[in-house]
C-alpha atoms as a PDB file:
ATOM      1  CA  MET A   1      -3.890 -67.178 -40.272  1.00  0.00           C
ATOM      2  CA  ALA A   2      -5.743 -64.002 -39.377  1.00  0.00           C
ATOM      3  CA  GLN A   3      -3.994 -61.369 -37.285  1.00  0.00           C
ATOM      4  CA  ALA A   4      -5.942 -59.809 -34.381  1.00  0.00           C
ATOM      5  CA  ARG A   5      -5.419 -56.756 -32.226  1.00  0.00           C
ATOM      6  CA  HIS A   6      -6.474 -56.034 -28.691  1.00  0.00           C
ATOM      7  CA  ASP A   7      -8.803 -53.066 -28.312  1.00  0.00           C
ATOM      8  CA  ILE A   8      -6.671 -50.515 -26.450  1.00  0.00           C
ATOM      9  CA  VAL A   9      -8.394 -47.424 -25.072  1.00  0.00           C
ATOM     10  CA  ILE A  10      -6.874 -44.692 -22.945  1.00  0.00           C
ATOM     11  CA  ALA A  11      -8.313 -41.657 -21.166  1.00  0.00           C
ATOM     12  CA  ALA A  12      -6.163 -38.643 -20.377  1.00  0.00           C
ATOM     13  CA  SER A  13      -6.462 -35.207 -18.790  1.00  0.00           C
ATOM     14  CA  ALA A  14      -4.546 -31.919 -18.528  1.00  0.00           C
ATOM     15  CA  THR A  15      -4.303 -28.870 -16.283  1.00  0.00           C
ATOM     16  CA  ASN A  16      -3.958 -25.346 -17.606  1.00  0.00           C
ATOM     17  CA  GLN A  17      -1.067 -22.957 -17.186  1.00  0.00           C
ATOM     18  CA  ILE A  18      -1.984 -20.803 -14.179  1.00  0.00           C
ATOM     19  CA  THR A  19       1.150 -18.649 -13.975  1.00  0.00           C
ATOM     20  CA  CYS A  20       2.965 -16.795 -16.727  1.00  0.00           C
ATOM     21  CA  ASN A  21       5.567 -19.561 -16.837  1.00  0.00           C
ATOM     22  CA  PRO A  22       4.945 -22.998 -18.389  1.00  0.00           C
ATOM     23  CA  ASP A  23       3.305 -25.045 -15.625  1.00  0.00           C
ATOM     24  CA  GLY A  24       0.630 -27.061 -17.401  1.00  0.00           C
ATOM     25  CA  THR A  25       0.434 -30.806 -16.856  1.00  0.00           C
ATOM     26  CA  ALA A  26      -0.867 -33.829 -18.757  1.00  0.00           C
ATOM     27  CA  GLN A  27      -1.381 -37.435 -17.713  1.00  0.00           C
ATOM     28  CA  ILE A  28      -2.963 -40.724 -18.749  1.00  0.00           C
ATOM     29  CA  ASP A  29      -5.702 -41.552 -16.279  1.00  0.00           C
ATOM     30  CA  ILE A  30      -6.649 -45.052 -17.352  1.00  0.00           C
ATOM     31  CA  ILE A  31      -5.667 -47.722 -19.839  1.00  0.00           C
ATOM     32  CA  SER A  32      -8.035 -50.514 -20.790  1.00  0.00           C
ATOM     33  CA  GLN A  33      -7.393 -53.475 -23.010  1.00  0.00           C
ATOM     34  CA  ASP A  34     -10.415 -55.310 -24.319  1.00  0.00           C
ATOM     35  CA  ALA A  35     -12.516 -53.266 -21.861  1.00  0.00           C
ATOM     36  CA  ILE A  36     -10.444 -54.451 -18.909  1.00  0.00           C
ATOM     37  CA  ALA A  37      -8.386 -51.939 -16.903  1.00  0.00           C
ATOM     38  CA  SER A  38      -4.695 -52.613 -17.227  1.00  0.00           C
ATOM     39  CA  PRO A  39      -1.907 -51.627 -14.777  1.00  0.00           C
ATOM     40  CA  PHE A  40       0.409 -48.864 -15.926  1.00  0.00           C
ATOM     41  CA  ALA A  41       3.408 -51.102 -15.335  1.00  0.00           C
ATOM     42  CA  ASP A  42       2.496 -53.065 -18.450  1.00  0.00           C
ATOM     43  CA  TRP A  43       2.782 -50.033 -20.716  1.00  0.00           C
ATOM     44  CA  ASN A  44       5.165 -47.528 -22.181  1.00  0.00           C
ATOM     45  CA  LEU A  45       3.652 -44.028 -22.058  1.00  0.00           C
ATOM     46  CA  PHE A  46       4.411 -41.201 -24.458  1.00  0.00           C
ATOM     47  CA  LEU A  47       3.793 -37.454 -24.660  1.00  0.00           C
ATOM     48  CA  LEU A  48       3.464 -36.059 -28.188  1.00  0.00           C
ATOM     49  CA  ASP A  49       3.478 -32.492 -29.461  1.00  0.00           C
ATOM     50  CA  ASN A  50       0.935 -30.912 -31.787  1.00  0.00           C
ATOM     51  CA  GLY A  51       2.603 -32.644 -34.736  1.00  0.00           C
ATOM     52  CA  GLN A  52       2.466 -35.986 -32.838  1.00  0.00           C
ATOM     53  CA  ASN A  53       6.216 -36.130 -32.354  1.00  0.00           C
ATOM     54  CA  ILE A  54       7.461 -37.648 -29.089  1.00  0.00           C
ATOM     55  CA  ILE A  55       8.497 -35.068 -26.468  1.00  0.00           C
ATOM     56  CA  ALA A  56      10.992 -35.851 -23.740  1.00  0.00           C
ATOM     57  CA  ASN A  57       9.593 -34.881 -20.335  1.00  0.00           C
ATOM     58  CA  PRO A  58      10.743 -35.602 -16.774  1.00  0.00           C
ATOM     59  CA  GLY A  59       7.266 -36.738 -15.718  1.00  0.00           C
ATOM     60  CA  ALA A  60       5.991 -40.279 -15.912  1.00  0.00           C
ATOM     61  CA  GLY A  61       2.636 -39.265 -17.370  1.00  0.00           C
ATOM     62  CA  ILE A  62       0.463 -40.761 -14.629  1.00  0.00           C
ATOM     63  CA  ALA A  63      -1.426 -39.410 -11.617  1.00  0.00           C
ATOM     64  CA  GLY A  64       1.019 -38.173  -8.980  1.00  0.00           C
ATOM     65  CA  ASN A  65       3.791 -37.764 -11.552  1.00  0.00           C
ATOM     66  CA  PRO A  66       2.292 -36.168 -14.671  1.00  0.00           C
ATOM     67  CA  TYR A  67       4.097 -34.693 -17.615  1.00  0.00           C
ATOM     68  CA  ASN A  68       4.770 -31.195 -16.329  1.00  0.00           C
ATOM     69  CA  GLY A  69       6.140 -27.762 -17.180  1.00  0.00           C
ATOM     70  CA  LEU A  70       4.004 -27.627 -20.309  1.00  0.00           C
ATOM     71  CA  ALA A  71       3.282 -24.388 -22.161  1.00  0.00           C
ATOM     72  CA  PRO A  72      -0.148 -23.632 -23.611  1.00  0.00           C
ATOM     73  CA  ASN A  73      -0.639 -25.824 -26.679  1.00  0.00           C
ATOM     74  CA  THR A  74      -2.279 -28.980 -27.991  1.00  0.00           C
ATOM     75  CA  TYR A  75      -0.692 -32.276 -26.924  1.00  0.00           C
ATOM     76  CA  PHE A  76      -1.330 -35.994 -27.454  1.00  0.00           C
ATOM     77  CA  LEU A  77      -0.775 -38.943 -25.122  1.00  0.00           C
ATOM     78  CA  ARG A  78      -0.286 -42.526 -26.204  1.00  0.00           C
ATOM     79  CA  ALA A  79       0.311 -45.912 -24.609  1.00  0.00           C
ATOM     80  CA  GLN A  80       2.224 -48.942 -25.941  1.00  0.00           C
ATOM     81  CA  ASN A  81       1.809 -52.428 -24.535  1.00  0.00           C
ATOM     82  CA  ILE A  82       5.245 -53.650 -23.503  1.00  0.00           C
ATOM     83  CA  ALA A  83       4.507 -57.287 -24.334  1.00  0.00           C
ATOM     84  CA  THR A  84       2.779 -56.941 -27.705  1.00  0.00           C
ATOM     85  CA  GLN A  85       4.320 -53.575 -28.742  1.00  0.00           C
ATOM     86  CA  CYS A  86       0.848 -52.453 -29.815  1.00  0.00           C
ATOM     87  CA  PHE A  87      -0.153 -48.766 -29.488  1.00  0.00           C
ATOM     88  CA  SER A  88      -3.317 -47.032 -28.471  1.00  0.00           C
ATOM     89  CA  ASP A  89      -4.666 -44.236 -30.598  1.00  0.00           C
ATOM     90  CA  PRO A  90      -3.333 -40.809 -29.596  1.00  0.00           C
ATOM     91  CA  PHE A  91      -5.521 -39.011 -27.050  1.00  0.00           C
ATOM     92  CA  GLN A  92      -5.679 -35.243 -27.538  1.00  0.00           C
ATOM     93  CA  VAL A  93      -5.549 -32.740 -24.653  1.00  0.00           C
ATOM     94  CA  ALA A  94      -5.306 -28.936 -24.646  1.00  0.00           C
ATOM     95  CA  ILE A  95      -3.457 -26.689 -22.203  1.00  0.00           C
ATOM     96  CA  ASN A  96      -4.669 -23.100 -22.021  1.00  0.00           C
ATOM     97  CA  ASP A  97      -3.102 -20.022 -20.448  1.00  0.00           C
ATOM     98  CA  VAL A  98      -5.453 -18.866 -17.677  1.00  0.00           C
ATOM     99  CA  SER A  99      -2.931 -16.642 -15.921  1.00  0.00           C
ATOM    100  CA  GLN A 100      -3.640 -12.914 -15.795  1.00  0.00           C
ATOM    101  CA  SER A 101      -1.161 -10.105 -16.298  1.00  0.00           C
ATOM    102  CA  PRO A 102      -1.019  -7.078 -13.967  1.00  0.00           C
ATOM    103  CA  LEU A 103      -3.512  -4.281 -14.539  1.00  0.00           C
ATOM    104  CA  ILE A 104      -2.104  -0.750 -14.862  1.00  0.00           C
ATOM    105  CA  ALA A 105      -3.799   2.637 -14.623  1.00  0.00           C
ATOM    106  CA  VAL A 106      -1.711   5.818 -14.876  1.00  0.00           C
ATOM    107  CA  VAL A 107      -2.590   9.424 -14.086  1.00  0.00           C
ATOM    108  CA  MET A 108      -0.471  12.392 -15.177  1.00  0.00           C
ATOM    109  CA  ASP A 109      -0.043  14.223 -11.867  1.00  0.00           C
ATOM    110  CA  ASN A 110       1.833  17.089 -13.498  1.00  0.00           C
ATOM    111  CA  PRO A 111       2.579  18.146 -17.094  1.00  0.00           C
ATOM    112  CA  ASP A 112       5.962  19.466 -18.184  1.00  0.00           C
ATOM    113  CA  TYR A 113       6.012  23.242 -17.656  1.00  0.00           C
ATOM    114  CA  ALA A 114       9.666  23.738 -18.647  1.00  0.00           C
ATOM    115  CA  CYS A 115      10.269  25.964 -21.682  1.00  0.00           C
ATOM    116  CA  SER A 116      13.960  25.017 -21.912  1.00  0.00           C
ATOM    117  CA  GLY A 117      16.798  23.722 -19.778  1.00  0.00           C
ATOM    118  CA  VAL A 118      16.712  20.513 -17.737  1.00  0.00           C
ATOM    119  CA  ASN A 119      14.244  21.328 -14.944  1.00  0.00           C
ATOM    120  CA  PHE A 120      11.413  19.201 -16.345  1.00  0.00           C
ATOM    121  CA  THR A 121       8.266  18.832 -14.252  1.00  0.00           C
ATOM    122  CA  GLY A 122       6.216  15.953 -15.730  1.00  0.00           C
ATOM    123  CA  ILE A 123       4.964  13.259 -13.313  1.00  0.00           C
ATOM    124  CA  LEU A 124       3.223   9.937 -14.141  1.00  0.00           C
ATOM    125  CA  ASN A 125       1.541   8.140 -11.251  1.00  0.00           C
ATOM    126  CA  PRO A 126       0.702   4.393 -11.635  1.00  0.00           C
ATOM    127  CA  THR A 127      -1.910   2.278  -9.873  1.00  0.00           C
ATOM    128  CA  ILE A 128      -1.261  -1.464 -10.194  1.00  0.00           C
ATOM    129  CA  SER A 129      -3.298  -4.525  -9.268  1.00  0.00           C
ATOM    130  CA  GLY A 130      -2.857  -8.250  -9.828  1.00  0.00           C
ATOM    131  CA  GLY A 131      -4.955  -9.938 -12.467  1.00  0.00           C
ATOM    132  CA  SER A 132      -6.387 -12.948 -10.620  1.00  0.00           C
ATOM    133  CA  ASP A 133      -5.672 -12.112  -6.967  1.00  0.00           C
ATOM    134  CA  ASN A 134      -6.306  -8.337  -7.193  1.00  0.00           C
ATOM    135  CA  ASP A 135      -3.062  -7.657  -5.322  1.00  0.00           C
ATOM    136  CA  VAL A 136      -2.620  -3.866  -4.998  1.00  0.00           C
ATOM    137  CA  ASN A 137       0.607  -3.936  -2.977  1.00  0.00           C
ATOM    138  CA  GLN A 138       3.189  -2.388  -5.280  1.00  0.00           C
ATOM    139  CA  ALA A 139       5.977  -4.018  -3.252  1.00  0.00           C
ATOM    140  CA  ASN A 140       4.955  -7.328  -4.878  1.00  0.00           C
ATOM    141  CA  TYR A 141       5.755  -6.066  -8.380  1.00  0.00           C
ATOM    142  CA  SER A 142       8.833  -5.104 -10.348  1.00  0.00           C
ATOM    143  CA  ILE A 143       8.120  -1.660 -11.828  1.00  0.00           C
ATOM    144  CA  VAL A 144      10.377  -0.004 -14.402  1.00  0.00           C
ATOM    145  CA  TRP A 145       9.787   3.344 -16.158  1.00  0.00           C
ATOM    146  CA  THR A 146      11.736   4.165 -19.319  1.00  0.00           C
ATOM    147  CA  SER A 147      11.817   6.952 -21.874  1.00  0.00           C
ATOM    148  CA  ILE A 148      10.709   5.657 -25.261  1.00  0.00           C
ATOM    149  CA  ALA A 149      12.876   8.247 -27.025  1.00  0.00           C
ATOM    150  CA  SER A 150      16.124   7.326 -25.251  1.00  0.00           C
ATOM    151  CA  GLY A 151      15.390   3.855 -23.896  1.00  0.00           C
ATOM    152  CA  LEU A 152      16.867   4.947 -20.561  1.00  0.00           C
ATOM    153  CA  PRO A 153      15.213   4.571 -17.150  1.00  0.00           C
ATOM    154  CA  THR A 154      13.505   7.637 -15.729  1.00  0.00           C
ATOM    155  CA  ALA A 155      13.796   9.050 -12.232  1.00  0.00           C
ATOM    156  CA  VAL A 156      11.209   7.631  -9.807  1.00  0.00           C
ATOM    157  CA  ASP A 157      10.116   8.509  -6.303  1.00  0.00           C
ATOM    158  CA  ALA A 158       9.295   6.272  -3.340  1.00  0.00           C
ATOM    159  CA  THR A 159       5.781   5.576  -4.653  1.00  0.00           C
ATOM    160  CA  ASN A 160       7.000   4.443  -8.106  1.00  0.00           C
ATOM    161  CA  ARG A 161       5.918   7.653  -9.807  1.00  0.00           C
ATOM    162  CA  ALA A 162       8.039   8.624 -12.807  1.00  0.00           C
ATOM    163  CA  ILE A 163       9.197  12.181 -12.072  1.00  0.00           C
ATOM    164  CA  ASP A 164      11.140  15.071 -13.650  1.00  0.00           C
ATOM    165  CA  LEU A 165       9.793  14.108 -17.064  1.00  0.00           C
ATOM    166  CA  GLN A 166      10.148  16.125 -20.236  1.00  0.00           C
ATOM    167  CA  ALA A 167       7.111  16.223 -22.498  1.00  0.00           C
ATOM    168  CA  GLY A 168       7.111  12.981 -24.514  1.00  0.00           C
ATOM    169  CA  ASP A 169       6.317   9.244 -24.493  1.00  0.00           C
ATOM    170  CA  TYR A 170       7.159   6.908 -21.621  1.00  0.00           C
ATOM    171  CA  ARG A 171       6.830   3.154 -21.018  1.00  0.00           C
ATOM    172  CA  ILE A 172       6.048   1.282 -17.827  1.00  0.00           C
ATOM    173  CA  THR A 173       6.922  -2.412 -17.463  1.00  0.00           C
ATOM    174  CA  VAL A 174       5.300  -4.251 -14.549  1.00  0.00           C
ATOM    175  CA  MET A 175       5.993  -7.859 -13.532  1.00  0.00           C
ATOM    176  CA  ASP A 176       4.022  -9.735 -10.872  1.00  0.00           C
ATOM    177  CA  ASN A 177       6.391 -11.471  -8.456  1.00  0.00           C
ATOM    178  CA  ILE A 178       4.046 -13.522  -6.248  1.00  0.00           C
ATOM    179  CA  GLY A 179       0.836 -15.547  -6.277  1.00  0.00           C
ATOM    180  CA  PHE A 180      -0.832 -17.366  -9.164  1.00  0.00           C
ATOM    181  CA  ASP A 181       0.227 -14.640 -11.594  1.00  0.00           C
ATOM    182  CA  ALA A 182       3.927 -14.712 -10.708  1.00  0.00           C
ATOM    183  CA  GLY A 183       6.004 -13.996 -13.786  1.00  0.00           C
ATOM    184  CA  CYS A 184       3.149 -12.247 -15.615  1.00  0.00           C
ATOM    185  CA  GLN A 185       4.159  -8.969 -17.208  1.00  0.00           C
ATOM    186  CA  THR A 186       2.345  -5.957 -18.630  1.00  0.00           C
ATOM    187  CA  VAL A 187       3.895  -3.199 -20.768  1.00  0.00           C
ATOM    188  CA  GLN A 188       2.047   0.043 -21.519  1.00  0.00           C
ATOM    189  CA  ASP A 189       2.949   3.458 -22.952  1.00  0.00           C
ATOM    190  CA  PHE A 190       1.849   6.850 -21.660  1.00  0.00           C
ATOM    191  CA  ILE A 191       2.322  10.500 -22.660  1.00  0.00           C
ATOM    192  CA  VAL A 192       3.506  13.508 -20.675  1.00  0.00           C
ATOM    193  CA  ALA A 193       1.939  16.659 -22.117  1.00  0.00           C
ATOM    194  CA  SER A 194       3.575  20.068 -22.362  1.00  0.00           C
ATOM    195  CA  ALA A 195       1.962  23.020 -20.573  1.00  0.00           C
ATOM    196  CA  ARG A 196       2.801  26.620 -19.734  1.00  0.00           C
ATOM    197  CA  HIS A 197       2.206  28.688 -16.613  1.00  0.00           C
ATOM    198  CA  ALA A 198       0.265  31.935 -17.110  1.00  0.00           C
ATOM    199  CA  ILE A 199       2.933  34.637 -16.672  1.00  0.00           C
ATOM    200  CA  ILE A 200       1.710  38.271 -16.398  1.00  0.00           C
ATOM    201  CA  VAL A 201       4.020  41.322 -16.376  1.00  0.00           C
ATOM    202  CA  ALA A 202       3.035  44.899 -15.399  1.00  0.00           C
ATOM    203  CA  ALA A 203       5.323  47.804 -16.458  1.00  0.00           C
ATOM    204  CA  SER A 204       5.440  51.634 -16.574  1.00  0.00           C
ATOM    205  CA  ALA A 205       7.545  54.402 -18.177  1.00  0.00           C
ATOM    206  CA  THR A 206       8.373  58.151 -17.752  1.00  0.00           C
ATOM    207  CA  ASN A 207       8.208  60.808 -20.479  1.00  0.00           C
ATOM    208  CA  HIS A 208      11.796  61.928 -21.199  1.00  0.00           C
ATOM    209  CA  ASP A 209      10.927  65.343 -22.736  1.00  0.00           C
ATOM    210  CA  HIS A 210       8.739  66.366 -19.784  1.00  0.00           C
ATOM    211  CA  LEU A 211      11.441  65.415 -17.286  1.00  0.00           C
ATOM    212  CA  LEU A 212      14.062  67.442 -19.136  1.00  0.00           C
ATOM    213  CA  ALA A 213      11.859  70.536 -19.201  1.00  0.00           C
ATOM    214  CA  ARG A 214      11.238  70.241 -15.453  1.00  0.00           C
ATOM    215  CA  TRP A 215      14.998  70.084 -14.814  1.00  0.00           C
ATOM    216  CA  HIS A 216      15.646  73.287 -16.783  1.00  0.00           C
ATOM    217  CA  ARG A 217      12.955  75.220 -14.890  1.00  0.00           C
ATOM    218  CA  THR A 218      14.274  74.075 -11.529  1.00  0.00           C
ATOM    219  CA  ASP A 219      17.828  74.957 -12.479  1.00  0.00           C
ATOM    220  CA  ARG A 220      16.928  78.581 -13.390  1.00  0.00           C
ATOM    221  CA  ARG A 221      14.926  79.180 -10.218  1.00  0.00           C
ATOM    222  CA  HIS A 222      17.767  77.962  -8.069  1.00  0.00           C
ATOM    223  CA  LEU A 223      20.325  80.160  -9.793  1.00  0.00           C
ATOM    224  CA  ARG A 224      18.190  83.285  -9.178  1.00  0.00           C
ATOM    225  CA  ARG A 225      18.015  82.550  -5.442  1.00  0.00           C
ATOM    226  CA  ARG A 226      21.776  81.967  -5.066  1.00  0.00           C
ATOM    227  CA  ARG A 227      23.675  84.495  -7.131  1.00  0.00           C
ATOM    228  CA  THR A 228      27.041  83.545  -5.628  1.00  0.00           C
ATOM    229  CA  SER A 229      26.883  79.987  -6.949  1.00  0.00           C
ATOM    230  CA  CYS A 230      28.176  79.003 -10.345  1.00  0.00           C
ATOM    231  CA  PHE A 231      26.337  75.707 -10.378  1.00  0.00           C
ATOM    232  CA  ALA A 232      23.289  74.398  -8.697  1.00  0.00           C
ATOM    233  CA  PHE A 233      22.248  70.742  -8.321  1.00  0.00           C
ATOM    234  CA  ARG A 234      19.005  69.259  -7.235  1.00  0.00           C
ATOM    235  CA  ARG A 235      17.671  65.705  -7.135  1.00  0.00           C
ATOM    236  CA  LEU A 236      15.008  65.243  -9.758  1.00  0.00           C
ATOM    237  CA  GLU A 237      11.878  63.233  -8.867  1.00  0.00           C
ATOM    238  CA  PRO A 238      10.265  61.385 -11.761  1.00  0.00           C
ATOM    239  CA  LEU A 239       7.068  62.950 -13.024  1.00  0.00           C
ATOM    240  CA  ALA A 240       3.981  61.041 -13.861  1.00  0.00           C
ATOM    241  CA  PRO A 241       3.235  60.906 -17.583  1.00  0.00           C
ATOM    242  CA  GLY A 242       1.057  63.700 -18.832  1.00  0.00           C
END
C-alpha cells in the first residue's frame, strides 16, 4: 500500500525590532492543506531558532498573539497537523534592528589652563538628539560623563556639560529613555586639551654702586652745614639707572 502526504503550505511574517530592546514579532499568517485554507485550531505551531531548534515563547504565533520579544536574528516557523502529526516545511523570517541610537556632538568650551594643583578648567559641552524621532530635549536622556583614566564620574553642570576637567580623555554615555528609540545607547570618547594663558611680566632694577656714591656725597654736604652734629641722616631716593 502506498503512503501519501497532504500538501501542507504555510505563510508567515515578522516585524522588526524598533527599540533597542528585543521587540520583534513573528507569526504564521495562513495554513493550507491541499490548497485549502485550514483553521489554526487544527494545528500545533512552532517557533524555531536559526539552527531550527524549537524556542519556547509566550505568544501563540498567530495574528493578534504573535511570537514576541524577539531579538534581531533569523527564525523559522512550522505547523504540525494535530490529527495526522504531519509537519509543514519550515518557513524562514528575518527580524532586523531598525532602532537608532542617540546622536552626540561635543564641543570643548574650555581647555585646561591649570599648570598644577586641582583647579582644572576643561569643559566639554554635548549636543544630543534622538536617532529616529530627532528628540533634542536632554531631559529625555540619561547622560553620564566619566574619566577614562580613573573610571570615575566627572563634575557636571545644569546643562550636562562636563566641567573642571584636567587635560585628558573622557567618555560620555547617553541612553534614550522615551519614544521608538527607548533603551538605545551611544558611547563616545572625547579629549580635553591642555593650554596656557599668555603671562607677561615687566620689571626694573636700580644700580647699587651709583646709589652708594650718592649717599656718600649727601652725607658730606650735610655734615659741613651742621658742624655741631655727630651724625646726619637723610632719606635716599632711588636714582634712575645711568
